[in-house]
Amino acid sequence: MLAGVLFGLILYLVQGKVSFSVVGDSLVFSAFSLWGCGRRFRYRAVWLSMVFTYLAVMINTVGSIQGISEIAGKED
């Protein structure tokens, strides 16, 4: 599913149908200006946190599958 979303995003970016220009002006990110953080939106931080979250979910899934297979007595 993640691969499909990323492929679609890349495809639309190449076609020029996606614009992130309104993200910095949105109400959600304008709340950061109240704390003195400014309105600068850092895409690298978002992508990095997404990668770490995805890795944590993958590790958790593998552990859960191994634990269930151990309880069920099934190898594969």
PDB file of N, CA and C in Angstrom:
ATOM      1  N   MET A   1       0.821  -1.183   0.000  1.00  0.00           N
ATOM      2  CA  MET A   1       0.000   0.000   0.000  1.00  0.00           C
ATOM      3  C   MET A   1       0.873   1.258   0.000  1.00  0.00           C
ATOM      4  N   LEU A   2       1.895   1.239   0.818  1.00  0.00           N
ATOM      5  CA  LEU A   2       2.788   2.398   0.860  1.00  0.00           C
ATOM      6  C   LEU A   2       3.482   2.615  -0.477  1.00  0.00           C
ATOM      7  N   ALA A   3       3.875   1.524  -1.108  1.00  0.00           N
ATOM      8  CA  ALA A   3       4.530   1.638  -2.411  1.00  0.00           C
ATOM      9  C   ALA A   3       3.588   2.256  -3.440  1.00  0.00           C
ATOM     10  N   GLY A   4       2.312   1.878  -3.384  1.00  0.00           N
ATOM     11  CA  GLY A   4       1.329   2.453  -4.305  1.00  0.00           C
ATOM     12  C   GLY A   4       1.121   3.937  -4.082  1.00  0.00           C
ATOM     13  N   VAL A   5       1.064   4.339  -2.822  1.00  0.00           N
ATOM     14  CA  VAL A   5       0.897   5.762  -2.499  1.00  0.00           C
ATOM     15  C   VAL A   5       2.109   6.558  -2.957  1.00  0.00           C
ATOM     16  N   LEU A   6       3.295   6.035  -2.672  1.00  0.00           N
ATOM     17  CA  LEU A   6       4.514   6.737  -3.088  1.00  0.00           C
ATOM     18  C   LEU A   6       4.639   6.796  -4.606  1.00  0.00           C
ATOM     19  N   PHE A   7       4.302   5.690  -5.286  1.00  0.00           N
ATOM     20  CA  PHE A   7       4.350   5.687  -6.747  1.00  0.00           C
ATOM     21  C   PHE A   7       3.375   6.711  -7.323  1.00  0.00           C
ATOM     22  N   GLY A   8       2.167   6.766  -6.775  1.00  0.00           N
ATOM     23  CA  GLY A   8       1.185   7.747  -7.240  1.00  0.00           C
ATOM     24  C   GLY A   8       1.633   9.170  -6.989  1.00  0.00           C
ATOM     25  N   LEU A   9       2.239   9.413  -5.820  1.00  0.00           N
ATOM     26  CA  LEU A   9       2.731  10.752  -5.515  1.00  0.00           C
ATOM     27  C   LEU A   9       3.832  11.164  -6.481  1.00  0.00           C
ATOM     28  N   ILE A  10       4.770  10.259  -6.721  1.00  0.00           N
ATOM     29  CA  ILE A  10       5.854  10.557  -7.661  1.00  0.00           C
ATOM     30  C   ILE A  10       5.317  10.794  -9.060  1.00  0.00           C
ATOM     31  N   LEU A  11       4.357   9.988  -9.465  1.00  0.00           N
ATOM     32  CA  LEU A  11       3.762  10.144 -10.793  1.00  0.00           C
ATOM     33  C   LEU A  11       3.093  11.509 -10.936  1.00  0.00           C
ATOM     34  N   TYR A  12       2.339  11.916  -9.933  1.00  0.00           N
ATOM     35  CA  TYR A  12       1.674  13.208 -10.000  1.00  0.00           C
ATOM     36  C   TYR A  12       2.658  14.366  -9.880  1.00  0.00           C
ATOM     37  N   LEU A  13       3.736  14.177  -9.103  1.00  0.00           N
ATOM     38  CA  LEU A  13       4.759  15.218  -9.030  1.00  0.00           C
ATOM     39  C   LEU A  13       5.430  15.428 -10.383  1.00  0.00           C
ATOM     40  N   VAL A  14       5.725  14.316 -11.080  1.00  0.00           N
ATOM     41  CA  VAL A  14       6.359  14.417 -12.394  1.00  0.00           C
ATOM     42  C   VAL A  14       5.431  15.122 -13.376  1.00  0.00           C
ATOM     43  N   GLN A  15       4.144  14.854 -13.274  1.00  0.00           N
ATOM     44  CA  GLN A  15       3.175  15.479 -14.178  1.00  0.00           C
ATOM     45  C   GLN A  15       2.876  16.927 -13.793  1.00  0.00           C
ATOM     46  N   GLY A  16       3.323  17.356 -12.629  1.00  0.00           N
ATOM     47  CA  GLY A  16       3.097  18.734 -12.199  1.00  0.00           C
ATOM     48  C   GLY A  16       1.709  18.978 -11.638  1.00  0.00           C
ATOM     49  N   LYS A  17       1.016  17.937 -11.204  1.00  0.00           N
ATOM     50  CA  LYS A  17      -0.342  18.076 -10.691  1.00  0.00           C
ATOM     51  C   LYS A  17      -0.381  18.272  -9.174  1.00  0.00           C
ATOM     52  N   VAL A  18       0.770  18.210  -8.516  1.00  0.00           N
ATOM     53  CA  VAL A  18       0.829  18.355  -7.071  1.00  0.00           C
ATOM     54  C   VAL A  18       1.641  19.597  -6.739  1.00  0.00           C
ATOM     55  N   SER A  19       1.107  20.404  -5.834  1.00  0.00           N
ATOM     56  CA  SER A  19       1.813  21.596  -5.390  1.00  0.00           C
ATOM     57  C   SER A  19       1.760  21.660  -3.869  1.00  0.00           C
ATOM     58  N   PHE A  20       2.922  21.791  -3.258  1.00  0.00           N
ATOM     59  CA  PHE A  20       2.993  21.900  -1.811  1.00  0.00           C
ATOM     60  C   PHE A  20       3.050  23.351  -1.352  1.00  0.00           C
ATOM     61  N   SER A  21       2.774  24.279  -2.236  1.00  0.00           N
ATOM     62  CA  SER A  21       2.896  25.695  -1.887  1.00  0.00           C
ATOM     63  C   SER A  21       1.869  26.130  -0.848  1.00  0.00           C
ATOM     64  N   VAL A  22       0.712  25.485  -0.799  1.00  0.00           N
ATOM     65  CA  VAL A  22      -0.320  25.876   0.156  1.00  0.00           C
ATOM     66  C   VAL A  22      -0.125  25.229   1.521  1.00  0.00           C
ATOM     67  N   VAL A  23       0.778  24.270   1.632  1.00  0.00           N
ATOM     68  CA  VAL A  23       0.977  23.580   2.906  1.00  0.00           C
ATOM     69  C   VAL A  23       1.494  24.535   3.967  1.00  0.00           C
ATOM     70  N   GLY A  24       2.449  25.348   3.629  1.00  0.00           N
ATOM     71  CA  GLY A  24       3.020  26.290   4.591  1.00  0.00           C
ATOM     72  C   GLY A  24       2.041  27.354   5.046  1.00  0.00           C
ATOM     73  N   ASP A  25       1.042  27.653   4.235  1.00  0.00           N
ATOM     74  CA  ASP A  25       0.067  28.676   4.581  1.00  0.00           C
ATOM     75  C   ASP A  25      -1.180  28.121   5.249  1.00  0.00           C
ATOM     76  N   SER A  26      -1.230  26.805   5.453  1.00  0.00           N
ATOM     77  CA  SER A  26      -2.432  26.206   6.027  1.00  0.00           C
ATOM     78  C   SER A  26      -2.577  26.571   7.495  1.00  0.00           C
ATOM     79  N   LEU A  27      -3.777  26.430   8.011  1.00  0.00           N
ATOM     80  CA  LEU A  27      -4.071  26.802   9.385  1.00  0.00           C
ATOM     81  C   LEU A  27      -3.302  25.940  10.379  1.00  0.00           C
ATOM     82  N   VAL A  28      -3.112  24.673  10.049  1.00  0.00           N
ATOM     83  CA  VAL A  28      -2.415  23.765  10.963  1.00  0.00           C
ATOM     84  C   VAL A  28      -0.982  24.219  11.198  1.00  0.00           C
ATOM     85  N   PHE A  29      -0.280  24.583  10.134  1.00  0.00           N
ATOM     86  CA  PHE A  29       1.117  24.977  10.265  1.00  0.00           C
ATOM     87  C   PHE A  29       1.275  26.429  10.689  1.00  0.00           C
ATOM     88  N   SER A  30       0.232  27.222  10.547  1.00  0.00           N
ATOM     89  CA  SER A  30       0.332  28.603  11.005  1.00  0.00           C
ATOM     90  C   SER A  30       0.300  28.671  12.529  1.00  0.00           C
ATOM     91  N   ALA A  31      -0.159  27.616  13.187  1.00  0.00           N
ATOM     92  CA  ALA A  31      -0.152  27.588  14.652  1.00  0.00           C
ATOM     93  C   ALA A  31       1.268  27.593  15.191  1.00  0.00           C
ATOM     94  N   PHE A  32       2.240  27.089  14.418  1.00  0.00           N
ATOM     95  CA  PHE A  32       3.625  27.097  14.866  1.00  0.00           C
ATOM     96  C   PHE A  32       4.184  28.507  14.993  1.00  0.00           C
ATOM     97  N   SER A  33       3.621  29.453  14.274  1.00  0.00           N
ATOM     98  CA  SER A  33       4.128  30.819  14.372  1.00  0.00           C
ATOM     99  C   SER A  33       3.808  31.422  15.739  1.00  0.00           C
ATOM    100  N   LEU A  34       2.824  30.869  16.436  1.00  0.00           N
ATOM    101  CA  LEU A  34       2.507  31.367  17.770  1.00  0.00           C
ATOM    102  C   LEU A  34       3.629  31.071  18.756  1.00  0.00           C
ATOM    103  N   TRP A  35       4.378  29.990  18.523  1.00  0.00           N
ATOM    104  CA  TRP A  35       5.461  29.613  19.419  1.00  0.00           C
ATOM    105  C   TRP A  35       6.804  30.148  18.959  1.00  0.00           C
ATOM    106  N   GLY A  36       6.825  30.938  17.934  1.00  0.00           N
ATOM    107  CA  GLY A  36       8.073  31.512  17.457  1.00  0.00           C
ATOM    108  C   GLY A  36       8.871  30.583  16.562  1.00  0.00           C
ATOM    109  N   CYS A  37       8.257  29.535  16.074  1.00  0.00           N
ATOM    110  CA  CYS A  37       8.967  28.594  15.209  1.00  0.00           C
ATOM    111  C   CYS A  37       8.962  29.043  13.760  1.00  0.00           C
ATOM    112  N   GLY A  38       8.150  29.981  13.436  1.00  0.00           N
ATOM    113  CA  GLY A  38       8.053  30.421  12.053  1.00  0.00           C
ATOM    114  C   GLY A  38       7.167  29.503  11.232  1.00  0.00           C
ATOM    115  N   ARG A  39       7.074  29.793   9.954  1.00  0.00           N
ATOM    116  CA  ARG A  39       6.224  29.006   9.080  1.00  0.00           C
ATOM    117  C   ARG A  39       7.024  28.111   8.162  1.00  0.00           C
ATOM    118  N   ARG A  40       8.238  27.877   8.460  1.00  0.00           N
ATOM    119  CA  ARG A  40       9.055  27.044   7.588  1.00  0.00           C
ATOM    120  C   ARG A  40       8.702  25.579   7.802  1.00  0.00           C
ATOM    121  N   PHE A  41       8.323  24.941   6.733  1.00  0.00           N
ATOM    122  CA  PHE A  41       7.924  23.540   6.774  1.00  0.00           C
ATOM    123  C   PHE A  41       9.075  22.701   6.252  1.00  0.00           C
ATOM    124  N   ARG A  42       9.575  21.795   7.051  1.00  0.00           N
ATOM    125  CA  ARG A  42      10.742  21.000   6.670  1.00  0.00           C
ATOM    126  C   ARG A  42      10.289  19.622   6.208  1.00  0.00           C
ATOM    127  N   TYR A  43      10.369  19.404   4.900  1.00  0.00           N
ATOM    128  CA  TYR A  43       9.931  18.143   4.306  1.00  0.00           C
ATOM    129  C   TYR A  43      10.838  16.987   4.710  1.00  0.00           C
ATOM    130  N   ARG A  44      12.118  17.251   4.865  1.00  0.00           N
ATOM    131  CA  ARG A  44      13.045  16.178   5.240  1.00  0.00           C
ATOM    132  C   ARG A  44      12.698  15.591   6.597  1.00  0.00           C
ATOM    133  N   ALA A  45      12.284  16.427   7.518  1.00  0.00           N
ATOM    134  CA  ALA A  45      11.909  15.940   8.845  1.00  0.00           C
ATOM    135  C   ALA A  45      10.683  15.044   8.765  1.00  0.00           C
ATOM    136  N   VAL A  46       9.741  15.397   7.921  1.00  0.00           N
ATOM    137  CA  VAL A  46       8.534  14.582   7.761  1.00  0.00           C
ATOM    138  C   VAL A  46       8.888  13.250   7.125  1.00  0.00           C
ATOM    139  N   TRP A  47       9.670  13.263   6.063  1.00  0.00           N
ATOM    140  CA  TRP A  47      10.042  12.013   5.398  1.00  0.00           C
ATOM    141  C   TRP A  47      10.867  11.135   6.317  1.00  0.00           C
ATOM    142  N   LEU A  48      11.774  11.736   7.080  1.00  0.00           N
ATOM    143  CA  LEU A  48      12.604  10.959   7.989  1.00  0.00           C
ATOM    144  C   LEU A  48      11.756  10.303   9.083  1.00  0.00           C
ATOM    145  N   SER A  49      10.819  11.040   9.635  1.00  0.00           N
ATOM    146  CA  SER A  49       9.949  10.460  10.661  1.00  0.00           C
ATOM    147  C   SER A  49       9.053   9.375  10.072  1.00  0.00           C
ATOM    148  N   MET A  50       8.617   9.536   8.830  1.00  0.00           N
ATOM    149  CA  MET A  50       7.815   8.499   8.178  1.00  0.00           C
ATOM    150  C   MET A  50       8.625   7.228   7.979  1.00  0.00           C
ATOM    151  N   VAL A  51       9.877   7.362   7.599  1.00  0.00           N
ATOM    152  CA  VAL A  51      10.730   6.187   7.383  1.00  0.00           C
ATOM    153  C   VAL A  51      10.945   5.438   8.691  1.00  0.00           C
ATOM    154  N   PHE A  52      11.257   6.171   9.773  1.00  0.00           N
ATOM    155  CA  PHE A  52      11.471   5.515  11.059  1.00  0.00           C
ATOM    156  C   PHE A  52      10.190   4.861  11.576  1.00  0.00           C
ATOM    157  N   THR A  53       9.059   5.518  11.372  1.00  0.00           N
ATOM    158  CA  THR A  53       7.783   4.932  11.793  1.00  0.00           C
ATOM    159  C   THR A  53       7.485   3.673  11.008  1.00  0.00           C
ATOM    160  N   TYR A  54       7.714   3.706   9.708  1.00  0.00           N
ATOM    161  CA  TYR A  54       7.463   2.535   8.877  1.00  0.00           C
ATOM    162  C   TYR A  54       8.374   1.376   9.278  1.00  0.00           C
ATOM    163  N   LEU A  55       9.637   1.657   9.562  1.00  0.00           N
ATOM    164  CA  LEU A  55      10.556   0.607  10.012  1.00  0.00           C
ATOM    165  C   LEU A  55      10.103   0.013  11.345  1.00  0.00           C
ATOM    166  N   ALA A  56       9.632   0.845  12.260  1.00  0.00           N
ATOM    167  CA  ALA A  56       9.160   0.348  13.548  1.00  0.00           C
ATOM    168  C   ALA A  56       7.938  -0.544  13.370  1.00  0.00           C
ATOM    169  N   VAL A  57       7.031  -0.160  12.484  1.00  0.00           N
ATOM    170  CA  VAL A  57       5.840  -0.983  12.231  1.00  0.00           C
ATOM    171  C   VAL A  57       6.228  -2.308  11.578  1.00  0.00           C
ATOM    172  N   MET A  58       7.192  -2.269  10.657  1.00  0.00           N
ATOM    173  CA  MET A  58       7.639  -3.516  10.021  1.00  0.00           C
ATOM    174  C   MET A  58       8.263  -4.458  11.055  1.00  0.00           C
ATOM    175  N   ILE A  59       9.094  -3.939  11.926  1.00  0.00           N
ATOM    176  CA  ILE A  59       9.730  -4.766  12.948  1.00  0.00           C
ATOM    177  C   ILE A  59       8.676  -5.341  13.891  1.00  0.00           C
ATOM    178  N   ASN A  60       7.702  -4.534  14.261  1.00  0.00           N
ATOM    179  CA  ASN A  60       6.625  -4.992  15.124  1.00  0.00           C
ATOM    180  C   ASN A  60       5.808  -6.090  14.444  1.00  0.00           C
ATOM    181  N   THR A  61       5.535  -5.944  13.161  1.00  0.00           N
ATOM    182  CA  THR A  61       4.766  -6.945  12.433  1.00  0.00           C
ATOM    183  C   THR A  61       5.509  -8.265  12.366  1.00  0.00           C
ATOM    184  N   VAL A  62       6.790  -8.224  12.072  1.00  0.00           N
ATOM    185  CA  VAL A  62       7.586  -9.452  12.014  1.00  0.00           C
ATOM    186  C   VAL A  62       7.603 -10.134  13.377  1.00  0.00           C
ATOM    187  N   GLY A  63       7.771  -9.369  14.433  1.00  0.00           N
ATOM    188  CA  GLY A  63       7.749  -9.936  15.771  1.00  0.00           C
ATOM    189  C   GLY A  63       6.416 -10.551  16.126  1.00  0.00           C
ATOM    190  N   SER A  64       5.326  -9.883  15.740  1.00  0.00           N
ATOM    191  CA  SER A  64       3.994 -10.424  16.017  1.00  0.00           C
ATOM    192  C   SER A  64       3.756 -11.718  15.254  1.00  0.00           C
ATOM    193  N   ILE A  65       4.154 -11.763  13.999  1.00  0.00           N
ATOM    194  CA  ILE A  65       3.979 -12.972  13.202  1.00  0.00           C
ATOM    195  C   ILE A  65       4.799 -14.118  13.775  1.00  0.00           C
ATOM    196  N   GLN A  66       6.033 -13.839  14.194  1.00  0.00           N
ATOM    197  CA  GLN A  66       6.866 -14.886  14.799  1.00  0.00           C
ATOM    198  C   GLN A  66       6.266 -15.384  16.113  1.00  0.00           C
ATOM    199  N   GLY A  67       5.730 -14.476  16.916  1.00  0.00           N
ATOM    200  CA  GLY A  67       5.116 -14.865  18.175  1.00  0.00           C
ATOM    201  C   GLY A  67       3.877 -15.712  17.977  1.00  0.00           C
ATOM    202  N   ILE A  68       3.042 -15.338  17.024  1.00  0.00           N
ATOM    203  CA  ILE A  68       1.825 -16.112  16.744  1.00  0.00           C
ATOM    204  C   ILE A  68       2.180 -17.473  16.176  1.00  0.00           C
ATOM    205  N   SER A  69       3.173 -17.522  15.303  1.00  0.00           N
ATOM    206  CA  SER A  69       3.574 -18.824  14.739  1.00  0.00           C
ATOM    207  C   SER A  69       4.160 -19.719  15.816  1.00  0.00           C
ATOM    208  N   GLU A  70       4.819 -19.146  16.787  1.00  0.00           N
ATOM    209  CA  GLU A  70       5.363 -19.924  17.904  1.00  0.00           C
ATOM    210  C   GLU A  70       4.235 -20.520  18.741  1.00  0.00           C
ATOM    211  N   ILE A  71       3.206 -19.720  19.013  1.00  0.00           N
ATOM    212  CA  ILE A  71       2.067 -20.185  19.810  1.00  0.00           C
ATOM    213  C   ILE A  71       1.265 -21.227  19.040  1.00  0.00           C
ATOM    214  N   ALA A  72       1.048 -20.975  17.753  1.00  0.00           N
ATOM    215  CA  ALA A  72       0.235 -21.884  16.938  1.00  0.00           C
ATOM    216  C   ALA A  72       0.991 -23.162  16.575  1.00  0.00           C
ATOM    217  N   GLY A  73       2.303 -23.162  16.716  1.00  0.00           N
ATOM    218  CA  GLY A  73       3.086 -24.330  16.392  1.00  0.00           C
ATOM    219  C   GLY A  73       3.290 -24.506  14.896  1.00  0.00           C
ATOM    220  N   LYS A  74       3.097 -23.466  14.136  1.00  0.00           N
ATOM    221  CA  LYS A  74       3.302 -23.517  12.691  1.00  0.00           C
ATOM    222  C   LYS A  74       4.632 -22.862  12.352  1.00  0.00           C
ATOM    223  N   GLU A  75       5.327 -23.424  11.380  1.00  0.00           N
ATOM    224  CA  GLU A  75       6.644 -22.913  11.034  1.00  0.00           C
ATOM    225  C   GLU A  75       6.552 -21.732  10.068  1.00  0.00           C
ATOM    226  N   ASP A  76       5.857 -21.858   8.982  1.00  0.00           N
ATOM    227  CA  ASP A  76       5.757 -20.787   7.995  1.00  0.00           C
ATOM    228  C   ASP A  76       4.398 -20.152   8.072  1.00  0.00           C
TER     229      ASP A  76
END
